[in-house]
Amino acid sequence: MEITVKVPDELASEARTRGISPEQYVQEIVAHRAGIQIPRVSKFRSPAEIRAWLDTLAQFSDKIPDLPERITREWIYQEHD
């Protein structure tokens, strides 16, 4: 049986985190729910794949604000009304 699914961004992101395709990830989810064991192939990452993964982790790090010298309650809730 073949099923076509529109993959939500969260699902695709989780698959990328696991280092597999969204299709493989969905197959694992369905197999797990059905109680079927799918053998996982251990895959060593190449240096380029590791660098790409690290780059995705750091892609928005330049937008993280600097911490103040002292963290106060007011600083924590400064953007909340």
PDB file of N, CA and C in Angstrom:
ATOM      1  N   MET A   1       0.837  -1.156   0.000  1.00  0.00           N
ATOM      2  CA  MET A   1       0.000   0.000   0.000  1.00  0.00           C
ATOM      3  C   MET A   1       0.894   1.236   0.000  1.00  0.00           C
ATOM      4  N   GLU A   2       0.500   2.230  -0.724  1.00  0.00           N
ATOM      5  CA  GLU A   2       1.264   3.472  -0.788  1.00  0.00           C
ATOM      6  C   GLU A   2       0.350   4.622  -0.416  1.00  0.00           C
ATOM      7  N   ILE A   3       0.816   5.470   0.517  1.00  0.00           N
ATOM      8  CA  ILE A   3       0.025   6.598   0.992  1.00  0.00           C
ATOM      9  C   ILE A   3       0.837   7.866   0.787  1.00  0.00           C
ATOM     10  N   THR A   4       0.197   8.895   0.271  1.00  0.00           N
ATOM     11  CA  THR A   4       0.852  10.188   0.102  1.00  0.00           C
ATOM     12  C   THR A   4       0.388  11.100   1.220  1.00  0.00           C
ATOM     13  N   VAL A   5       1.341  11.753   1.883  1.00  0.00           N
ATOM     14  CA  VAL A   5       1.029  12.603   3.028  1.00  0.00           C
ATOM     15  C   VAL A   5       1.715  13.948   2.857  1.00  0.00           C
ATOM     16  N   LYS A   6       0.993  15.029   3.154  1.00  0.00           N
ATOM     17  CA  LYS A   6       1.617  16.345   3.230  1.00  0.00           C
ATOM     18  C   LYS A   6       2.322  16.411   4.574  1.00  0.00           C
ATOM     19  N   VAL A   7       3.622  16.616   4.565  1.00  0.00           N
ATOM     20  CA  VAL A   7       4.402  16.565   5.791  1.00  0.00           C
ATOM     21  C   VAL A   7       4.448  17.950   6.452  1.00  0.00           C
ATOM     22  N   PRO A   8       3.961  18.051   7.697  1.00  0.00           N
ATOM     23  CA  PRO A   8       4.052  19.325   8.407  1.00  0.00           C
ATOM     24  C   PRO A   8       5.517  19.675   8.685  1.00  0.00           C
ATOM     25  N   ASP A   9       5.793  20.956   8.852  1.00  0.00           N
ATOM     26  CA  ASP A   9       7.159  21.410   9.111  1.00  0.00           C
ATOM     27  C   ASP A   9       7.763  20.761  10.346  1.00  0.00           C
ATOM     28  N   GLU A  10       6.961  20.570  11.390  1.00  0.00           N
ATOM     29  CA  GLU A  10       7.471  19.969  12.624  1.00  0.00           C
ATOM     30  C   GLU A  10       7.945  18.539  12.380  1.00  0.00           C
ATOM     31  N   LEU A  11       7.193  17.809  11.571  1.00  0.00           N
ATOM     32  CA  LEU A  11       7.554  16.428  11.270  1.00  0.00           C
ATOM     33  C   LEU A  11       8.841  16.377  10.460  1.00  0.00           C
ATOM     34  N   ALA A  12       8.950  17.252   9.465  1.00  0.00           N
ATOM     35  CA  ALA A  12      10.164  17.307   8.651  1.00  0.00           C
ATOM     36  C   ALA A  12      11.358  17.709   9.501  1.00  0.00           C
ATOM     37  N   SER A  13      11.157  18.631  10.426  1.00  0.00           N
ATOM     38  CA  SER A  13      12.231  19.073  11.307  1.00  0.00           C
ATOM     39  C   SER A  13      12.704  17.932  12.204  1.00  0.00           C
ATOM     40  N   GLU A  14      11.765  17.175  12.751  1.00  0.00           N
ATOM     41  CA  GLU A  14      12.119  16.037  13.603  1.00  0.00           C
ATOM     42  C   GLU A  14      12.872  14.979  12.811  1.00  0.00           C
ATOM     43  N   ALA A  15      12.457  14.752  11.574  1.00  0.00           N
ATOM     44  CA  ALA A  15      13.153  13.778  10.727  1.00  0.00           C
ATOM     45  C   ALA A  15      14.590  14.237  10.473  1.00  0.00           C
ATOM     46  N   ARG A  16      14.766  15.529  10.173  1.00  0.00           N
ATOM     47  CA  ARG A  16      16.118  16.067   9.956  1.00  0.00           C
ATOM     48  C   ARG A  16      16.975  15.900  11.194  1.00  0.00           C
ATOM     49  N   THR A  17      16.376  16.148  12.371  1.00  0.00           N
ATOM     50  CA  THR A  17      17.095  16.003  13.633  1.00  0.00           C
ATOM     51  C   THR A  17      17.590  14.570  13.805  1.00  0.00           C
ATOM     52  N   ARG A  18      16.776  13.617  13.377  1.00  0.00           N
ATOM     53  CA  ARG A  18      17.153  12.208  13.489  1.00  0.00           C
ATOM     54  C   ARG A  18      18.073  11.751  12.353  1.00  0.00           C
ATOM     55  N   GLY A  19      18.269  12.623  11.353  1.00  0.00           N
ATOM     56  CA  GLY A  19      19.164  12.282  10.251  1.00  0.00           C
ATOM     57  C   GLY A  19      18.549  11.343   9.232  1.00  0.00           C
ATOM     58  N   ILE A  20      17.212  11.370   9.136  1.00  0.00           N
ATOM     59  CA  ILE A  20      16.538  10.508   8.169  1.00  0.00           C
ATOM     60  C   ILE A  20      15.556  11.350   7.357  1.00  0.00           C
ATOM     61  N   SER A  21      15.036  10.772   6.287  1.00  0.00           N
ATOM     62  CA  SER A  21      14.065  11.482   5.452  1.00  0.00           C
ATOM     63  C   SER A  21      12.709  11.490   6.155  1.00  0.00           C
ATOM     64  N   PRO A  22      11.863  12.459   5.809  1.00  0.00           N
ATOM     65  CA  PRO A  22      10.507  12.458   6.394  1.00  0.00           C
ATOM     66  C   PRO A  22       9.753  11.166   6.111  1.00  0.00           C
ATOM     67  N   GLU A  23       9.967  10.602   4.929  1.00  0.00           N
ATOM     68  CA  GLU A  23       9.300   9.340   4.583  1.00  0.00           C
ATOM     69  C   GLU A  23       9.719   8.230   5.543  1.00  0.00           C
ATOM     70  N   GLN A  24      11.023   8.133   5.809  1.00  0.00           N
ATOM     71  CA  GLN A  24      11.512   7.104   6.738  1.00  0.00           C
ATOM     72  C   GLN A  24      10.951   7.339   8.138  1.00  0.00           C
ATOM     73  N   TYR A  25      10.883   8.602   8.543  1.00  0.00           N
ATOM     74  CA  TYR A  25      10.381   8.925   9.875  1.00  0.00           C
ATOM     75  C   TYR A  25       8.910   8.517  10.013  1.00  0.00           C
ATOM     76  N   VAL A  26       8.099   8.817   8.994  1.00  0.00           N
ATOM     77  CA  VAL A  26       6.687   8.434   9.029  1.00  0.00           C
ATOM     78  C   VAL A  26       6.561   6.911   9.051  1.00  0.00           C
ATOM     79  N   GLN A  27       7.394   6.220   8.280  1.00  0.00           N
ATOM     80  CA  GLN A  27       7.361   4.759   8.290  1.00  0.00           C
ATOM     81  C   GLN A  27       7.663   4.222   9.691  1.00  0.00           C
ATOM     82  N   GLU A  28       8.646   4.839  10.371  1.00  0.00           N
ATOM     83  CA  GLU A  28       8.974   4.414  11.727  1.00  0.00           C
ATOM     84  C   GLU A  28       7.813   4.643  12.682  1.00  0.00           C
ATOM     85  N   ILE A  29       7.148   5.791  12.549  1.00  0.00           N
ATOM     86  CA  ILE A  29       6.009   6.096  13.421  1.00  0.00           C
ATOM     87  C   ILE A  29       4.895   5.073  13.212  1.00  0.00           C
ATOM     88  N   VAL A  30       4.558   4.812  11.957  1.00  0.00           N
ATOM     89  CA  VAL A  30       3.489   3.854  11.645  1.00  0.00           C
ATOM     90  C   VAL A  30       3.881   2.459  12.122  1.00  0.00           C
ATOM     91  N   ALA A  31       5.108   2.059  11.885  1.00  0.00           N
ATOM     92  CA  ALA A  31       5.562   0.739  12.315  1.00  0.00           C
ATOM     93  C   ALA A  31       5.522   0.619  13.836  1.00  0.00           C
ATOM     94  N   HIS A  32       5.932   1.684  14.525  1.00  0.00           N
ATOM     95  CA  HIS A  32       5.913   1.667  15.988  1.00  0.00           C
ATOM     96  C   HIS A  32       4.488   1.517  16.507  1.00  0.00           C
ATOM     97  N   ARG A  33       3.557   2.262  15.908  1.00  0.00           N
ATOM     98  CA  ARG A  33       2.147   2.166  16.322  1.00  0.00           C
ATOM     99  C   ARG A  33       1.573   0.781  16.040  1.00  0.00           C
ATOM    100  N   ALA A  34       2.052   0.156  14.964  1.00  0.00           N
ATOM    101  CA  ALA A  34       1.551  -1.178  14.602  1.00  0.00           C
ATOM    102  C   ALA A  34       2.295  -2.286  15.343  1.00  0.00           C
ATOM    103  N   GLY A  35       3.323  -1.908  16.094  1.00  0.00           N
ATOM    104  CA  GLY A  35       4.086  -2.905  16.844  1.00  0.00           C
ATOM    105  C   GLY A  35       5.089  -3.661  16.004  1.00  0.00           C
ATOM    106  N   ILE A  36       5.482  -3.073  14.883  1.00  0.00           N
ATOM    107  CA  ILE A  36       6.454  -3.703  13.987  1.00  0.00           C
ATOM    108  C   ILE A  36       7.824  -3.083  14.252  1.00  0.00           C
ATOM    109  N   GLN A  37       8.834  -3.919  14.342  1.00  0.00           N
ATOM    110  CA  GLN A  37      10.190  -3.440  14.583  1.00  0.00           C
ATOM    111  C   GLN A  37      10.916  -3.246  13.255  1.00  0.00           C
ATOM    112  N   ILE A  38      11.367  -2.029  12.975  1.00  0.00           N
ATOM    113  CA  ILE A  38      12.139  -1.742  11.760  1.00  0.00           C
ATOM    114  C   ILE A  38      13.605  -1.634  12.167  1.00  0.00           C
ATOM    115  N   PRO A  39      14.469  -2.446  11.575  1.00  0.00           N
ATOM    116  CA  PRO A  39      15.881  -2.339  11.939  1.00  0.00           C
ATOM    117  C   PRO A  39      16.440  -0.983  11.510  1.00  0.00           C
ATOM    118  N   ARG A  40      17.149  -0.337  12.411  1.00  0.00           N
ATOM    119  CA  ARG A  40      17.756   0.960  12.125  1.00  0.00           C
ATOM    120  C   ARG A  40      19.189   0.760  11.675  1.00  0.00           C
ATOM    121  N   VAL A  41      19.522   1.396  10.596  1.00  0.00           N
ATOM    122  CA  VAL A  41      20.876   1.305  10.069  1.00  0.00           C
ATOM    123  C   VAL A  41      21.698   2.417  10.707  1.00  0.00           C
ATOM    124  N   SER A  42      22.791   2.027  11.343  1.00  0.00           N
ATOM    125  CA  SER A  42      23.674   3.018  11.944  1.00  0.00           C
ATOM    126  C   SER A  42      24.444   3.718  10.831  1.00  0.00           C
ATOM    127  N   LYS A  43      24.431   5.037  10.853  1.00  0.00           N
ATOM    128  CA  LYS A  43      25.079   5.791   9.794  1.00  0.00           C
ATOM    129  C   LYS A  43      26.036   6.791  10.422  1.00  0.00           C
ATOM    130  N   PHE A  44      27.278   6.709  10.047  1.00  0.00           N
ATOM    131  CA  PHE A  44      28.242   7.686  10.515  1.00  0.00           C
ATOM    132  C   PHE A  44      28.115   8.928   9.654  1.00  0.00           C
ATOM    133  N   ARG A  45      28.177  10.069  10.277  1.00  0.00           N
ATOM    134  CA  ARG A  45      28.065  11.337   9.558  1.00  0.00           C
ATOM    135  C   ARG A  45      29.431  11.777   9.040  1.00  0.00           C
ATOM    136  N   SER A  46      29.405  12.335   7.852  1.00  0.00           N
ATOM    137  CA  SER A  46      30.632  12.882   7.282  1.00  0.00           C
ATOM    138  C   SER A  46      30.908  14.234   7.942  1.00  0.00           C
ATOM    139  N   PRO A  47      32.139  14.723   7.882  1.00  0.00           N
ATOM    140  CA  PRO A  47      32.420  16.045   8.446  1.00  0.00           C
ATOM    141  C   PRO A  47      31.529  17.135   7.848  1.00  0.00           C
ATOM    142  N   ALA A  48      31.224  17.044   6.555  1.00  0.00           N
ATOM    143  CA  ALA A  48      30.355  18.048   5.918  1.00  0.00           C
ATOM    144  C   ALA A  48      28.936  17.980   6.499  1.00  0.00           C
ATOM    145  N   GLU A  49      28.417  16.769   6.749  1.00  0.00           N
ATOM    146  CA  GLU A  49      27.093  16.618   7.338  1.00  0.00           C
ATOM    147  C   GLU A  49      27.060  17.152   8.767  1.00  0.00           C
ATOM    148  N   ILE A  50      28.123  16.902   9.510  1.00  0.00           N
ATOM    149  CA  ILE A  50      28.209  17.411  10.882  1.00  0.00           C
ATOM    150  C   ILE A  50      28.253  18.936  10.874  1.00  0.00           C
ATOM    151  N   ARG A  51      29.050  19.509   9.976  1.00  0.00           N
ATOM    152  CA  ARG A  51      29.142  20.966   9.872  1.00  0.00           C
ATOM    153  C   ARG A  51      27.783  21.563   9.501  1.00  0.00           C
ATOM    154  N   ALA A  52      27.069  20.945   8.563  1.00  0.00           N
ATOM    155  CA  ALA A  52      25.750  21.434   8.162  1.00  0.00           C
ATOM    156  C   ALA A  52      24.776  21.383   9.338  1.00  0.00           C
ATOM    157  N   TRP A  53      24.840  20.327  10.125  1.00  0.00           N
ATOM    158  CA  TRP A  53      23.973  20.194  11.288  1.00  0.00           C
ATOM    159  C   TRP A  53      24.292  21.274  12.321  1.00  0.00           C
ATOM    160  N   LEU A  54      25.568  21.486  12.589  1.00  0.00           N
ATOM    161  CA  LEU A  54      25.962  22.528  13.535  1.00  0.00           C
ATOM    162  C   LEU A  54      25.552  23.912  13.043  1.00  0.00           C
ATOM    163  N   ASP A  55      25.651  24.134  11.744  1.00  0.00           N
ATOM    164  CA  ASP A  55      25.240  25.421  11.180  1.00  0.00           C
ATOM    165  C   ASP A  55      23.741  25.659  11.372  1.00  0.00           C
ATOM    166  N   THR A  56      22.919  24.605  11.252  1.00  0.00           N
ATOM    167  CA  THR A  56      21.481  24.781  11.470  1.00  0.00           C
ATOM    168  C   THR A  56      21.189  25.091  12.931  1.00  0.00           C
ATOM    169  N   LEU A  57      21.982  24.532  13.838  1.00  0.00           N
ATOM    170  CA  LEU A  57      21.789  24.834  15.257  1.00  0.00           C
ATOM    171  C   LEU A  57      22.109  26.293  15.565  1.00  0.00           C
ATOM    172  N   ALA A  58      23.104  26.831  14.879  1.00  0.00           N
ATOM    173  CA  ALA A  58      23.590  28.179  15.183  1.00  0.00           C
ATOM    174  C   ALA A  58      23.025  29.254  14.263  1.00  0.00           C
ATOM    175  N   GLN A  59      22.101  28.919  13.385  1.00  0.00           N
ATOM    176  CA  GLN A  59      21.695  29.871  12.356  1.00  0.00           C
ATOM    177  C   GLN A  59      21.090  31.166  12.895  1.00  0.00           C
ATOM    178  N   PHE A  60      20.459  31.158  14.065  1.00  0.00           N
ATOM    179  CA  PHE A  60      19.875  32.383  14.600  1.00  0.00           C
ATOM    180  C   PHE A  60      20.592  32.850  15.871  1.00  0.00           C
ATOM    181  N   SER A  61      21.773  32.340  16.137  1.00  0.00           N
ATOM    182  CA  SER A  61      22.468  32.696  17.369  1.00  0.00           C
ATOM    183  C   SER A  61      22.841  34.171  17.424  1.00  0.00           C
ATOM    184  N   ASP A  62      22.951  34.827  16.286  1.00  0.00           N
ATOM    185  CA  ASP A  62      23.277  36.252  16.289  1.00  0.00           C
ATOM    186  C   ASP A  62      22.098  37.104  16.763  1.00  0.00           C
ATOM    187  N   LYS A  63      20.924  36.513  16.862  1.00  0.00           N
ATOM    188  CA  LYS A  63      19.750  37.253  17.308  1.00  0.00           C
ATOM    189  C   LYS A  63      19.503  37.105  18.812  1.00  0.00           C
ATOM    190  N   ILE A  64      20.313  36.330  19.496  1.00  0.00           N
ATOM    191  CA  ILE A  64      20.168  36.143  20.935  1.00  0.00           C
ATOM    192  C   ILE A  64      20.724  37.388  21.628  1.00  0.00           C
ATOM    193  N   PRO A  65      19.911  38.062  22.450  1.00  0.00           N
ATOM    194  CA  PRO A  65      20.402  39.282  23.101  1.00  0.00           C
ATOM    195  C   PRO A  65      21.433  38.965  24.178  1.00  0.00           C
ATOM    196  N   ASP A  66      22.303  39.933  24.421  1.00  0.00           N
ATOM    197  CA  ASP A  66      23.286  39.785  25.488  1.00  0.00           C
ATOM    198  C   ASP A  66      22.568  39.796  26.831  1.00  0.00           C
ATOM    199  N   LEU A  67      23.104  39.040  27.783  1.00  0.00           N
ATOM    200  CA  LEU A  67      22.527  39.015  29.117  1.00  0.00           C
ATOM    201  C   LEU A  67      23.020  40.223  29.904  1.00  0.00           C
ATOM    202  N   PRO A  68      22.162  40.768  30.776  1.00  0.00           N
ATOM    203  CA  PRO A  68      22.618  41.864  31.625  1.00  0.00           C
ATOM    204  C   PRO A  68      23.538  41.308  32.718  1.00  0.00           C
ATOM    205  N   GLU A  69      24.227  42.212  33.413  1.00  0.00           N
ATOM    206  CA  GLU A  69      25.104  41.774  34.498  1.00  0.00           C
ATOM    207  C   GLU A  69      24.307  41.095  35.605  1.00  0.00           C
ATOM    208  N   ARG A  70      23.119  41.611  35.858  1.00  0.00           N
ATOM    209  CA  ARG A  70      22.264  41.048  36.885  1.00  0.00           C
ATOM    210  C   ARG A  70      20.891  40.768  36.293  1.00  0.00           C
ATOM    211  N   ILE A  71      20.413  39.557  36.444  1.00  0.00           N
ATOM    212  CA  ILE A  71      19.101  39.202  35.906  1.00  0.00           C
ATOM    213  C   ILE A  71      18.055  39.479  36.977  1.00  0.00           C
ATOM    214  N   THR A  72      17.121  40.357  36.642  1.00  0.00           N
ATOM    215  CA  THR A  72      16.059  40.718  37.582  1.00  0.00           C
ATOM    216  C   THR A  72      14.719  40.250  37.036  1.00  0.00           C
ATOM    217  N   ARG A  73      13.736  40.256  37.904  1.00  0.00           N
ATOM    218  CA  ARG A  73      12.388  39.884  37.489  1.00  0.00           C
ATOM    219  C   ARG A  73      11.890  40.837  36.398  1.00  0.00           C
ATOM    220  N   GLU A  74      12.190  42.116  36.541  1.00  0.00           N
ATOM    221  CA  GLU A  74      11.769  43.111  35.556  1.00  0.00           C
ATOM    222  C   GLU A  74      12.388  42.822  34.192  1.00  0.00           C
ATOM    223  N   TRP A  75      13.651  42.421  34.184  1.00  0.00           N
ATOM    224  CA  TRP A  75      14.314  42.118  32.914  1.00  0.00           C
ATOM    225  C   TRP A  75      13.669  40.902  32.252  1.00  0.00           C
ATOM    226  N   ILE A  76      13.348  39.899  33.061  1.00  0.00           N
ATOM    227  CA  ILE A  76      12.744  38.669  32.520  1.00  0.00           C
ATOM    228  C   ILE A  76      11.395  38.979  31.880  1.00  0.00           C
ATOM    229  N   TYR A  77      10.595  39.830  32.534  1.00  0.00           N
ATOM    230  CA  TYR A  77       9.239  40.104  32.056  1.00  0.00           C
ATOM    231  C   TYR A  77       9.128  41.434  31.315  1.00  0.00           C
ATOM    232  N   GLN A  78      10.219  41.964  30.792  1.00  0.00           N
ATOM    233  CA  GLN A  78      10.208  43.286  30.176  1.00  0.00           C
ATOM    234  C   GLN A  78       9.289  43.389  28.965  1.00  0.00           C
ATOM    235  N   GLU A  79       9.045  42.330  28.244  1.00  0.00           N
ATOM    236  CA  GLU A  79       8.227  42.401  27.028  1.00  0.00           C
ATOM    237  C   GLU A  79       6.786  41.946  27.264  1.00  0.00           C
ATOM    238  N   HIS A  80       6.444  41.656  28.523  1.00  0.00           N
ATOM    239  CA  HIS A  80       5.084  41.190  28.832  1.00  0.00           C
ATOM    240  C   HIS A  80       4.287  42.302  29.467  1.00  0.00           C
ATOM    241  N   ASP A  81       3.005  42.322  29.168  1.00  0.00           N
ATOM    242  CA  ASP A  81       2.121  43.323  29.788  1.00  0.00           C
ATOM    243  C   ASP A  81       1.313  42.690  30.889  1.00  0.00           C
TER     244      ASP A  81
END
